[in-house]
PDB file of N, CA and C in Angstrom:
ATOM      1  N   MET A   1      94.304  74.738  93.328  1.00  0.00           N
ATOM      2  CA  MET A   1      93.105  75.275  92.467  1.00  0.00           C
ATOM      3  C   MET A   1      93.124  74.237  91.268  1.00  0.00           C
ATOM      4  N   SER A   2      91.867  73.646  91.088  1.00  0.00           N
ATOM      5  CA  SER A   2      91.606  72.950  89.942  1.00  0.00           C
ATOM      6  C   SER A   2      91.299  73.757  88.910  1.00  0.00           C
ATOM      7  N   ASP A   3      91.289  73.094  87.667  1.00  0.00           N
ATOM      8  CA  ASP A   3      91.021  73.786  86.438  1.00  0.00           C
ATOM      9  C   ASP A   3      89.450  73.973  86.352  1.00  0.00           C
ATOM     10  N   ILE A   4      89.046  75.176  85.596  1.00  0.00           N
ATOM     11  CA  ILE A   4      87.637  75.236  85.479  1.00  0.00           C
ATOM     12  C   ILE A   4      86.990  74.485  84.620  1.00  0.00           C
ATOM     13  N   LEU A   5      85.671  74.559  84.650  1.00  0.00           N
ATOM     14  CA  LEU A   5      85.023  73.582  83.550  1.00  0.00           C
ATOM     15  C   LEU A   5      85.214  73.897  82.265  1.00  0.00           C
ATOM     16  N   GLU A   6      85.287  73.121  81.281  1.00  0.00           N
ATOM     17  CA  GLU A   6      85.611  73.509  79.842  1.00  0.00           C
ATOM     18  C   GLU A   6      84.709  74.514  79.258  1.00  0.00           C
ATOM     19  N   ALA A   7      83.318  74.424  79.654  1.00  0.00           N
ATOM     20  CA  ALA A   7      82.515  75.576  79.069  1.00  0.00           C
ATOM     21  C   ALA A   7      82.794  77.032  79.773  1.00  0.00           C
ATOM     22  N   ASP A   8      83.298  76.842  80.950  1.00  0.00           N
ATOM     23  CA  ASP A   8      83.471  78.314  81.467  1.00  0.00           C
ATOM     24  C   ASP A   8      85.038  78.964  80.739  1.00  0.00           C
ATOM     25  N   TRP A   9      86.079  77.698  80.696  1.00  0.00           N
ATOM     26  CA  TRP A   9      87.098  78.110  79.944  1.00  0.00           C
ATOM     27  C   TRP A   9      87.055  79.001  78.584  1.00  0.00           C
ATOM     28  N   LYS A  10      86.102  78.146  77.909  1.00  0.00           N
ATOM     29  CA  LYS A  10      85.542  79.046  76.717  1.00  0.00           C
ATOM     30  C   LYS A  10      84.783  80.131  76.620  1.00  0.00           C
ATOM     31  N   VAL A  11      84.129  80.385  77.808  1.00  0.00           N
ATOM     32  CA  VAL A  11      83.516  81.762  77.940  1.00  0.00           C
ATOM     33  C   VAL A  11      84.696  82.784  78.499  1.00  0.00           C
ATOM     34  N   LEU A  12      85.555  82.189  79.204  1.00  0.00           N
ATOM     35  CA  LEU A  12      86.650  83.209  79.442  1.00  0.00           C
ATOM     36  C   LEU A  12      87.343  83.672  78.229  1.00  0.00           C
ATOM     37  N   ARG A  13      87.917  82.526  77.377  1.00  0.00           N
ATOM     38  CA  ARG A  13      88.563  82.913  76.273  1.00  0.00           C
ATOM     39  C   ARG A  13      87.790  83.832  75.194  1.00  0.00           C
ATOM     40  N   SER A  14      86.379  83.717  75.164  1.00  0.00           N
ATOM     41  CA  SER A  14      85.606  84.650  74.255  1.00  0.00           C
ATOM     42  C   SER A  14      85.556  86.011  75.054  1.00  0.00           C
ATOM     43  N   LEU A  15      85.798  86.128  76.295  1.00  0.00           N
ATOM     44  CA  LEU A  15      85.501  87.562  76.861  1.00  0.00           C
ATOM     45  C   LEU A  15      87.057  88.207  76.949  1.00  0.00           C
ATOM     46  N   LYS A  16      88.116  87.557  76.988  1.00  0.00           N
ATOM     47  CA  LYS A  16      89.316  88.023  77.336  1.00  0.00           C
ATOM     48  C   LYS A  16      89.863  89.164  76.479  1.00  0.00           C
ATOM     49  N   ASP A  17      89.597  89.524  75.058  1.00  0.00           N
ATOM     50  CA  ASP A  17      89.820  90.712  74.573  1.00  0.00           C
ATOM     51  C   ASP A  17      88.969  91.690  74.887  1.00  0.00           C
ATOM     52  N   THR A  18      87.687  91.546  75.282  1.00  0.00           N
ATOM     53  CA  THR A  18      86.963  92.454  75.891  1.00  0.00           C
ATOM     54  C   THR A  18      87.323  93.000  77.083  1.00  0.00           C
ATOM     55  N   ALA A  19      87.744  92.267  78.100  1.00  0.00           N
ATOM     56  CA  ALA A  19      88.236  92.687  79.465  1.00  0.00           C
ATOM     57  C   ALA A  19      89.611  93.362  79.153  1.00  0.00           C
ATOM     58  N   LEU A  20      90.555  92.922  78.523  1.00  0.00           N
ATOM     59  CA  LEU A  20      91.705  93.361  78.402  1.00  0.00           C
ATOM     60  C   LEU A  20      91.638  94.763  77.700  1.00  0.00           C
ATOM     61  N   GLU A  21      90.715  95.017  76.787  1.00  0.00           N
ATOM     62  CA  GLU A  21      90.432  96.293  76.094  1.00  0.00           C
ATOM     63  C   GLU A  21      89.943  97.227  77.353  1.00  0.00           C
ATOM     64  N   ARG A  22      88.912  96.896  78.180  1.00  0.00           N
ATOM     65  CA  ARG A  22      88.482  97.758  79.229  1.00  0.00           C
ATOM     66  C   ARG A  22      89.687  98.356  80.134  1.00  0.00           C
ATOM     67  N   LEU A  23      90.437  97.241  80.473  1.00  0.00           N
ATOM     68  CA  LEU A  23      91.603  97.557  81.330  1.00  0.00           C
ATOM     69  C   LEU A  23      92.324  98.650  80.855  1.00  0.00           C
ATOM     70  N   CYS A  24      92.827  98.259  79.550  1.00  0.00           N
ATOM     71  CA  CYS A  24      93.567  99.064  79.067  1.00  0.00           C
ATOM     72  C   CYS A  24      93.204 100.459  78.749  1.00  0.00           C
ATOM     73  N   GLU A  25      91.853 100.761  78.341  1.00  0.00           N
ATOM     74  CA  GLU A  25      91.134 101.842  78.157  1.00  0.00           C
ATOM     75  C   GLU A  25      91.233 102.782  79.478  1.00  0.00           C
ATOM     76  N   ARG A  26      90.903 102.011  80.624  1.00  0.00           N
ATOM     77  CA  ARG A  26      90.948 102.636  82.013  1.00  0.00           C
ATOM     78  C   ARG A  26      92.422 103.298  82.041  1.00  0.00           C
ATOM     79  N   ILE A  27      93.392 102.300  82.006  1.00  0.00           N
ATOM     80  CA  ILE A  27      94.871 102.637  82.330  1.00  0.00           C
ATOM     81  C   ILE A  27      95.144 103.659  81.407  1.00  0.00           C
ATOM     82  N   LEU A  28      94.914 103.934  80.290  1.00  0.00           N
ATOM     83  CA  LEU A  28      95.375 104.924  79.244  1.00  0.00           C
ATOM     84  C   LEU A  28      94.509 106.190  79.533  1.00  0.00           C
ATOM     85  N   ALA A  29      93.500 106.279  80.261  1.00  0.00           N
ATOM     86  CA  ALA A  29      92.822 107.443  80.855  1.00  0.00           C
ATOM     87  C   ALA A  29      93.568 107.949  81.890  1.00  0.00           C
ATOM     88  N   GLU A  30      94.029 106.874  82.944  1.00  0.00           N
ATOM     89  CA  GLU A  30      94.711 107.371  83.997  1.00  0.00           C
ATOM     90  C   GLU A  30      95.914 108.186  83.504  1.00  0.00           C
ATOM     91  N   VAL A  31      96.592 107.439  82.507  1.00  0.00           N
ATOM     92  CA  VAL A  31      97.908 108.145  81.949  1.00  0.00           C
ATOM     93  C   VAL A  31      97.834 109.415  81.437  1.00  0.00           C
ATOM     94  N   HIS A  32      96.626 109.574  80.553  1.00  0.00           N
ATOM     95  CA  HIS A  32      96.396 110.831  79.994  1.00  0.00           C
ATOM     96  C   HIS A  32      96.176 111.943  81.030  1.00  0.00           C
ATOM     97  N   ALA A  33      95.386 111.455  82.162  1.00  0.00           N
ATOM     98  CA  ALA A  33      95.143 112.491  83.234  1.00  0.00           C
ATOM     99  C   ALA A  33      96.589 112.832  83.807  1.00  0.00           C
ATOM    100  N   ALA A  34      97.299 111.773  84.232  1.00  0.00           N
ATOM    101  CA  ALA A  34      98.703 112.106  84.814  1.00  0.00           C
ATOM    102  C   ALA A  34      99.618 113.066  84.104  1.00  0.00           C
ATOM    103  N   ALA A  35      99.432 112.856  82.583  1.00  0.00           N
ATOM    104  CA  ALA A  35     100.344 113.464  81.728  1.00  0.00           C
ATOM    105  C   ALA A  35      99.916 114.937  81.524  1.00  0.00           C
ATOM    106  N   ALA A  36      98.668 115.173  81.753  1.00  0.00           N
ATOM    107  CA  ALA A  36      97.896 116.365  81.286  1.00  0.00           C
ATOM    108  C   ALA A  36      97.703 117.193  82.701  1.00  0.00           C
ATOM    109  N   ASN A  37      98.412 116.918  83.746  1.00  0.00           N
ATOM    110  CA  ASN A  37      98.183 117.512  84.998  1.00  0.00           C
ATOM    111  C   ASN A  37      98.929 118.910  85.091  1.00  0.00           C
ATOM    112  N   PRO A  38      98.240 120.024  85.043  1.00  0.00           N
ATOM    113  CA  PRO A  38      98.720 121.279  85.041  1.00  0.00           C
ATOM    114  C   PRO A  38      99.506 121.661  86.204  1.00  0.00           C
ATOM    115  N   GLY A  39      99.239 121.047  87.198  1.00  0.00           N
ATOM    116  CA  GLY A  39      99.917 121.700  88.607  1.00  0.00           C
ATOM    117  C   GLY A  39     101.361 121.000  88.842  1.00  0.00           C
ATOM    118  N   ARG A  40     101.885 120.136  87.648  1.00  0.00           N
ATOM    119  CA  ARG A  40     103.221 119.521  88.015  1.00  0.00           C
ATOM    120  C   ARG A  40     103.887 119.844  86.634  1.00  0.00           C
ATOM    121  N   SER A  41     105.385 119.836  87.105  1.00  0.00           N
ATOM    122  CA  SER A  41     106.342 120.155  85.910  1.00  0.00           C
ATOM    123  C   SER A  41     106.447 119.002  84.933  1.00  0.00           C
ATOM    124  N   ASN A  42     106.783 119.170  83.866  1.00  0.00           N
ATOM    125  CA  ASN A  42     107.097 117.988  82.934  1.00  0.00           C
ATOM    126  C   ASN A  42     107.769 116.768  83.153  1.00  0.00           C
ATOM    127  N   HIS A  43     108.596 116.969  84.150  1.00  0.00           N
ATOM    128  CA  HIS A  43     109.397 116.022  84.498  1.00  0.00           C
ATOM    129  C   HIS A  43     108.831 115.112  85.718  1.00  0.00           C
ATOM    130  N   GLN A  44     107.873 116.133  86.416  1.00  0.00           N
ATOM    131  CA  GLN A  44     106.982 115.378  87.551  1.00  0.00           C
ATOM    132  C   GLN A  44     106.064 114.425  86.909  1.00  0.00           C
ATOM    133  N   ARG A  45     105.460 114.992  85.806  1.00  0.00           N
ATOM    134  CA  ARG A  45     104.345 114.593  85.288  1.00  0.00           C
ATOM    135  C   ARG A  45     105.018 113.102  84.503  1.00  0.00           C
ATOM    136  N   TYR A  46     106.082 113.243  83.727  1.00  0.00           N
ATOM    137  CA  TYR A  46     106.711 112.139  83.346  1.00  0.00           C
ATOM    138  C   TYR A  46     106.773 111.008  84.412  1.00  0.00           C
ATOM    139  N   LEU A  47     107.342 111.193  85.565  1.00  0.00           N
ATOM    140  CA  LEU A  47     107.523 110.391  86.638  1.00  0.00           C
ATOM    141  C   LEU A  47     106.257 109.759  87.053  1.00  0.00           C
ATOM    142  N   ASP A  48     105.206 110.580  86.975  1.00  0.00           N
ATOM    143  CA  ASP A  48     103.927 110.098  87.444  1.00  0.00           C
ATOM    144  C   ASP A  48     103.357 109.163  86.624  1.00  0.00           C
ATOM    145  N   VAL A  49     103.543 109.258  85.256  1.00  0.00           N
ATOM    146  CA  VAL A  49     103.139 108.145  84.137  1.00  0.00           C
ATOM    147  C   VAL A  49     104.030 107.115  84.162  1.00  0.00           C
ATOM    148  N   TYR A  50     105.371 107.330  84.219  1.00  0.00           N
ATOM    149  CA  TYR A  50     106.229 106.093  84.549  1.00  0.00           C
ATOM    150  C   TYR A  50     105.850 105.123  85.539  1.00  0.00           C
ATOM    151  N   SER A  51     105.536 105.731  86.816  1.00  0.00           N
ATOM    152  CA  SER A  51     105.050 105.083  87.841  1.00  0.00           C
ATOM    153  C   SER A  51     103.831 104.398  87.818  1.00  0.00           C
ATOM    154  N   LEU A  52     102.919 105.083  87.075  1.00  0.00           N
ATOM    155  CA  LEU A  52     101.437 104.594  86.935  1.00  0.00           C
ATOM    156  C   LEU A  52     101.689 103.405  85.914  1.00  0.00           C
ATOM    157  N   VAL A  53     102.377 103.609  84.830  1.00  0.00           N
ATOM    158  CA  VAL A  53     102.493 102.266  83.969  1.00  0.00           C
ATOM    159  C   VAL A  53     103.231 101.197  84.732  1.00  0.00           C
ATOM    160  N   GLN A  54     104.033 101.207  85.375  1.00  0.00           N
ATOM    161  CA  GLN A  54     104.583 100.167  85.996  1.00  0.00           C
ATOM    162  C   GLN A  54     103.888  99.431  87.048  1.00  0.00           C
ATOM    163  N   LYS A  55     103.064 100.273  87.773  1.00  0.00           N
ATOM    164  CA  LYS A  55     101.993  99.762  88.912  1.00  0.00           C
ATOM    165  C   LYS A  55     100.979  99.081  87.918  1.00  0.00           C
ATOM    166  N   ARG A  56     100.354  99.807  86.915  1.00  0.00           N
ATOM    167  CA  ARG A  56      99.078  99.200  86.134  1.00  0.00           C
ATOM    168  C   ARG A  56      99.663  98.061  85.310  1.00  0.00           C
ATOM    169  N   ASP A  57     101.050  97.996  84.936  1.00  0.00           N
ATOM    170  CA  ASP A  57     101.461  96.729  84.113  1.00  0.00           C
ATOM    171  C   ASP A  57     101.450  95.597  84.958  1.00  0.00           C
ATOM    172  N   LYS A  58     101.419  95.617  86.376  1.00  0.00           N
ATOM    173  CA  LYS A  58     101.410  94.356  87.240  1.00  0.00           C
ATOM    174  C   LYS A  58      99.850  94.026  87.253  1.00  0.00           C
ATOM    175  N   ASP A  59      98.995  94.996  87.237  1.00  0.00           N
ATOM    176  CA  ASP A  59      97.513  94.510  86.930  1.00  0.00           C
ATOM    177  C   ASP A  59      97.331  93.903  85.883  1.00  0.00           C
ATOM    178  N   VAL A  60      97.794  94.356  84.626  1.00  0.00           N
ATOM    179  CA  VAL A  60      97.606  93.558  83.404  1.00  0.00           C
ATOM    180  C   VAL A  60      97.965  92.130  83.420  1.00  0.00           C
ATOM    181  N   ALA A  61      99.288  92.199  83.932  1.00  0.00           N
ATOM    182  CA  ALA A  61      99.884  90.729  84.185  1.00  0.00           C
ATOM    183  C   ALA A  61      99.207  89.720  85.074  1.00  0.00           C
ATOM    184  N   ASP A  62      98.712  90.509  86.139  1.00  0.00           N
ATOM    185  CA  ASP A  62      97.642  89.637  86.956  1.00  0.00           C
ATOM    186  C   ASP A  62      96.484  89.164  86.240  1.00  0.00           C
ATOM    187  N   CYS A  63      96.030  89.843  85.669  1.00  0.00           N
ATOM    188  CA  CYS A  63      95.000  89.443  84.667  1.00  0.00           C
ATOM    189  C   CYS A  63      94.971  88.800  83.613  1.00  0.00           C
ATOM    190  N   PHE A  64      95.934  88.708  83.019  1.00  0.00           N
ATOM    191  CA  PHE A  64      96.071  88.104  81.647  1.00  0.00           C
ATOM    192  C   PHE A  64      97.329  87.333  81.163  1.00  0.00           C
ATOM    193  N   ASN A  65      98.358  87.401  81.980  1.00  0.00           N
ATOM    194  CA  ASN A  65      99.519  86.652  81.705  1.00  0.00           C
ATOM    195  C   ASN A  65      99.366  85.298  82.116  1.00  0.00           C
ATOM    196  N   ASP A  66      99.999  84.229  81.429  1.00  0.00           N
ATOM    197  CA  ASP A  66      99.902  82.912  81.748  1.00  0.00           C
ATOM    198  C   ASP A  66      98.451  82.405  81.892  1.00  0.00           C
ATOM    199  N   LEU A  67      97.618  82.792  81.192  1.00  0.00           N
ATOM    200  CA  LEU A  67      96.168  82.162  80.892  1.00  0.00           C
ATOM    201  C   LEU A  67      96.215  81.022  80.751  1.00  0.00           C
ATOM    202  N   ARG A  68      95.743  80.082  81.625  1.00  0.00           N
ATOM    203  CA  ARG A  68      95.602  78.696  81.242  1.00  0.00           C
ATOM    204  C   ARG A  68      94.179  78.296  82.071  1.00  0.00           C
ATOM    205  N   ARG A  69      93.679  77.022  81.889  1.00  0.00           N
ATOM    206  CA  ARG A  69      92.752  76.692  82.462  1.00  0.00           C
ATOM    207  C   ARG A  69      93.234  76.523  84.141  1.00  0.00           C
ATOM    208  N   SER A  70      94.355  76.187  84.330  1.00  0.00           N
ATOM    209  CA  SER A  70      94.746  75.817  85.690  1.00  0.00           C
ATOM    210  C   SER A  70      95.028  77.105  86.382  1.00  0.00           C
ATOM    211  N   THR A  71      95.105  78.236  85.779  1.00  0.00           N
ATOM    212  CA  THR A  71      94.980  79.326  86.267  1.00  0.00           C
ATOM    213  C   THR A  71      94.044  80.431  86.026  1.00  0.00           C
ATOM    214  N   ALA A  72      92.905  79.930  85.452  1.00  0.00           N
ATOM    215  CA  ALA A  72      91.733  80.890  85.237  1.00  0.00           C
ATOM    216  C   ALA A  72      91.112  81.402  86.423  1.00  0.00           C
ATOM    217  N   THR A  73      90.858  80.670  87.262  1.00  0.00           N
ATOM    218  CA  THR A  73      90.038  80.915  88.589  1.00  0.00           C
ATOM    219  C   THR A  73      90.861  82.286  88.944  1.00  0.00           C
ATOM    220  N   ILE A  74      91.939  82.252  89.388  1.00  0.00           N
ATOM    221  CA  ILE A  74      92.971  83.396  89.837  1.00  0.00           C
ATOM    222  C   ILE A  74      92.913  84.603  88.803  1.00  0.00           C
ATOM    223  N   SER A  75      92.647  84.441  87.437  1.00  0.00           N
ATOM    224  CA  SER A  75      92.452  85.439  86.617  1.00  0.00           C
ATOM    225  C   SER A  75      91.253  85.914  86.558  1.00  0.00           C
ATOM    226  N   LEU A  76      90.256  85.269  86.856  1.00  0.00           N
ATOM    227  CA  LEU A  76      88.763  85.864  87.105  1.00  0.00           C
ATOM    228  C   LEU A  76      88.649  86.538  88.262  1.00  0.00           C
ATOM    229  N   LEU A  77      89.463  86.086  89.391  1.00  0.00           N
ATOM    230  CA  LEU A  77      89.500  86.801  90.558  1.00  0.00           C
ATOM    231  C   LEU A  77      89.865  88.541  90.277  1.00  0.00           C
ATOM    232  N   HIS A  78      91.018  88.295  89.664  1.00  0.00           N
ATOM    233  CA  HIS A  78      91.609  89.529  89.515  1.00  0.00           C
ATOM    234  C   HIS A  78      90.673  90.707  88.382  1.00  0.00           C
ATOM    235  N   TRP A  79      90.054  89.806  87.436  1.00  0.00           N
ATOM    236  CA  TRP A  79      89.273  90.534  86.595  1.00  0.00           C
ATOM    237  C   TRP A  79      88.059  91.174  87.319  1.00  0.00           C
ATOM    238  N   ARG A  80      87.493  90.471  88.359  1.00  0.00           N
ATOM    239  CA  ARG A  80      86.385  90.842  89.131  1.00  0.00           C
ATOM    240  C   ARG A  80      86.832  92.000  89.961  1.00  0.00           C
ATOM    241  N   LYS A  81      88.077  91.987  90.612  1.00  0.00           N
ATOM    242  CA  LYS A  81      88.473  93.001  91.260  1.00  0.00           C
ATOM    243  C   LYS A  81      88.721  94.206  90.768  1.00  0.00           C
ATOM    244  N   HIS A  82      88.908  94.364  89.517  1.00  0.00           N
ATOM    245  CA  HIS A  82      89.212  95.455  88.581  1.00  0.00           C
ATOM    246  C   HIS A  82      87.676  95.585  87.738  1.00  0.00           C
ATOM    247  N   LYS A  83      86.640  94.810  88.002  1.00  0.00           N
ATOM    248  CA  LYS A  83      85.317  95.247  87.548  1.00  0.00           C
ATOM    249  C   LYS A  83      85.447  95.345  86.047  1.00  0.00           C
ATOM    250  N   LEU A  84      85.874  94.041  85.321  1.00  0.00           N
ATOM    251  CA  LEU A  84      86.331  94.255  83.819  1.00  0.00           C
ATOM    252  C   LEU A  84      85.101  93.392  83.151  1.00  0.00           C
ATOM    253  N   LEU A  85      84.089  92.907  83.910  1.00  0.00           N
ATOM    254  CA  LEU A  85      82.885  92.342  83.000  1.00  0.00           C
ATOM    255  C   LEU A  85      81.676  92.791  83.535  1.00  0.00           C
ATOM    256  N   THR A  86      80.817  92.935  82.616  1.00  0.00           N
ATOM    257  CA  THR A  86      79.312  93.380  83.026  1.00  0.00           C
ATOM    258  C   THR A  86      78.794  92.157  83.899  1.00  0.00           C
ATOM    259  N   PHE A  87      77.408  92.556  84.319  1.00  0.00           N
ATOM    260  CA  PHE A  87      76.792  91.688  85.126  1.00  0.00           C
ATOM    261  C   PHE A  87      76.317  90.433  84.077  1.00  0.00           C
ATOM    262  N   ASP A  88      75.780  90.779  82.939  1.00  0.00           N
ATOM    263  CA  ASP A  88      75.609  89.771  82.016  1.00  0.00           C
ATOM    264  C   ASP A  88      76.800  88.914  81.479  1.00  0.00           C
ATOM    265  N   GLU A  89      78.044  89.553  81.277  1.00  0.00           N
ATOM    266  CA  GLU A  89      78.958  88.355  80.989  1.00  0.00           C
ATOM    267  C   GLU A  89      79.463  87.689  81.940  1.00  0.00           C
ATOM    268  N   TRP A  90      79.268  88.110  83.410  1.00  0.00           N
ATOM    269  CA  TRP A  90      79.690  87.207  84.614  1.00  0.00           C
ATOM    270  C   TRP A  90      78.655  86.194  84.666  1.00  0.00           C
ATOM    271  N   ALA A  91      77.330  86.480  84.045  1.00  0.00           N
ATOM    272  CA  ALA A  91      76.496  85.470  84.545  1.00  0.00           C
ATOM    273  C   ALA A  91      76.565  84.273  83.281  1.00  0.00           C
ATOM    274  N   ARG A  92      77.462  84.531  82.304  1.00  0.00           N
ATOM    275  CA  ARG A  92      77.671  83.391  81.388  1.00  0.00           C
ATOM    276  C   ARG A  92      78.588  82.439  81.980  1.00  0.00           C
ATOM    277  N   PHE A  93      79.110  82.421  83.071  1.00  0.00           N
ATOM    278  CA  PHE A  93      80.186  81.492  83.812  1.00  0.00           C
ATOM    279  C   PHE A  93      78.918  80.573  84.684  1.00  0.00           C
ATOM    280  N   SER A  94      79.248  79.273  84.783  1.00  0.00           N
ATOM    281  CA  SER A  94      78.384  78.305  85.394  1.00  0.00           C
ATOM    282  C   SER A  94      78.421  78.641  87.057  1.00  0.00           C
ATOM    283  N   ASP A  95      77.321  78.004  87.599  1.00  0.00           N
ATOM    284  CA  ASP A  95      77.105  78.187  88.914  1.00  0.00           C
ATOM    285  C   ASP A  95      78.337  77.795  89.684  1.00  0.00           C
ATOM    286  N   VAL A  96      78.799  76.761  89.307  1.00  0.00           N
ATOM    287  CA  VAL A  96      79.987  76.216  89.922  1.00  0.00           C
ATOM    288  C   VAL A  96      81.082  77.388  90.170  1.00  0.00           C
ATOM    289  N   THR A  97      81.647  77.861  88.969  1.00  0.00           N
ATOM    290  CA  THR A  97      82.628  78.863  88.808  1.00  0.00           C
ATOM    291  C   THR A  97      82.392  80.178  89.649  1.00  0.00           C
ATOM    292  N   GLN A  98      81.001  80.341  89.407  1.00  0.00           N
ATOM    293  CA  GLN A  98      80.435  81.682  90.318  1.00  0.00           C
ATOM    294  C   GLN A  98      80.743  81.273  91.880  1.00  0.00           C
ATOM    295  N   ALA A  99      80.462  80.171  92.249  1.00  0.00           N
ATOM    296  CA  ALA A  99      80.252  79.996  93.588  1.00  0.00           C
ATOM    297  C   ALA A  99      82.048  79.764  94.132  1.00  0.00           C
ATOM    298  N   VAL A 100      82.744  79.305  93.363  1.00  0.00           N
ATOM    299  CA  VAL A 100      84.156  79.436  93.801  1.00  0.00           C
ATOM    300  C   VAL A 100      84.657  80.737  93.697  1.00  0.00           C
ATOM    301  N   LEU A 101      84.348  81.519  93.044  1.00  0.00           N
ATOM    302  CA  LEU A 101      84.713  83.158  93.015  1.00  0.00           C
ATOM    303  C   LEU A 101      84.126  83.630  94.202  1.00  0.00           C
ATOM    304  N   ASP A 102      82.858  83.332  94.344  1.00  0.00           N
ATOM    305  CA  ASP A 102      82.393  84.027  95.555  1.00  0.00           C
ATOM    306  C   ASP A 102      82.825  83.521  96.898  1.00  0.00           C
ATOM    307  N   VAL A 103      83.379  82.197  96.804  1.00  0.00           N
ATOM    308  CA  VAL A 103      84.204  81.955  98.276  1.00  0.00           C
ATOM    309  C   VAL A 103      85.456  82.575  98.370  1.00  0.00           C
ATOM    310  N   TRP A 104      86.282  82.628  97.292  1.00  0.00           N
ATOM    311  CA  TRP A 104      87.386  83.333  97.220  1.00  0.00           C
ATOM    312  C   TRP A 104      87.444  84.864  97.516  1.00  0.00           C
ATOM    313  N   ASP A 105      86.341  85.557  97.089  1.00  0.00           N
ATOM    314  CA  ASP A 105      86.101  86.889  97.487  1.00  0.00           C
ATOM    315  C   ASP A 105      85.913  87.262  98.838  1.00  0.00           C
ATOM    316  N   GLU A 106      84.987  86.157  99.522  1.00  0.00           N
ATOM    317  CA  GLU A 106      84.720  86.222 100.983  1.00  0.00           C
ATOM    318  C   GLU A 106      85.904  86.149 101.774  1.00  0.00           C
ATOM    319  N   ASN A 107      87.016  85.329 101.372  1.00  0.00           N
ATOM    320  CA  ASN A 107      88.120  85.007 102.030  1.00  0.00           C
ATOM    321  C   ASN A 107      89.281  85.988 101.803  1.00  0.00           C
ATOM    322  N   ASP A 108      88.977  86.919 100.802  1.00  0.00           N
ATOM    323  CA  ASP A 108      89.978  87.882 100.659  1.00  0.00           C
ATOM    324  C   ASP A 108      90.087  89.144 101.368  1.00  0.00           C
TER     325      ASP A 108
END
């Protein structure tokens, strides 16, 4: 996979913190729900939270770790999978990058 356009790289960097906050907000809501589940013992809830954090940590890593121009398209695919950007935010990316993401989504 080749690097994305410089302009798209700048857009991605400008949206990174917003996307990360959205994903973390969702994860924390899931953790809260798992921790507050009245039908499970404290130990079961702890295990649920632990398992959830492990699973979702992989999602955070897929979306945000090792973020470089050469890996940006893969990261954007993960962002799209987790619905981290609004329609207007996605529209800020070039037609070229959007087309590449569409092709990858079709083959997924």
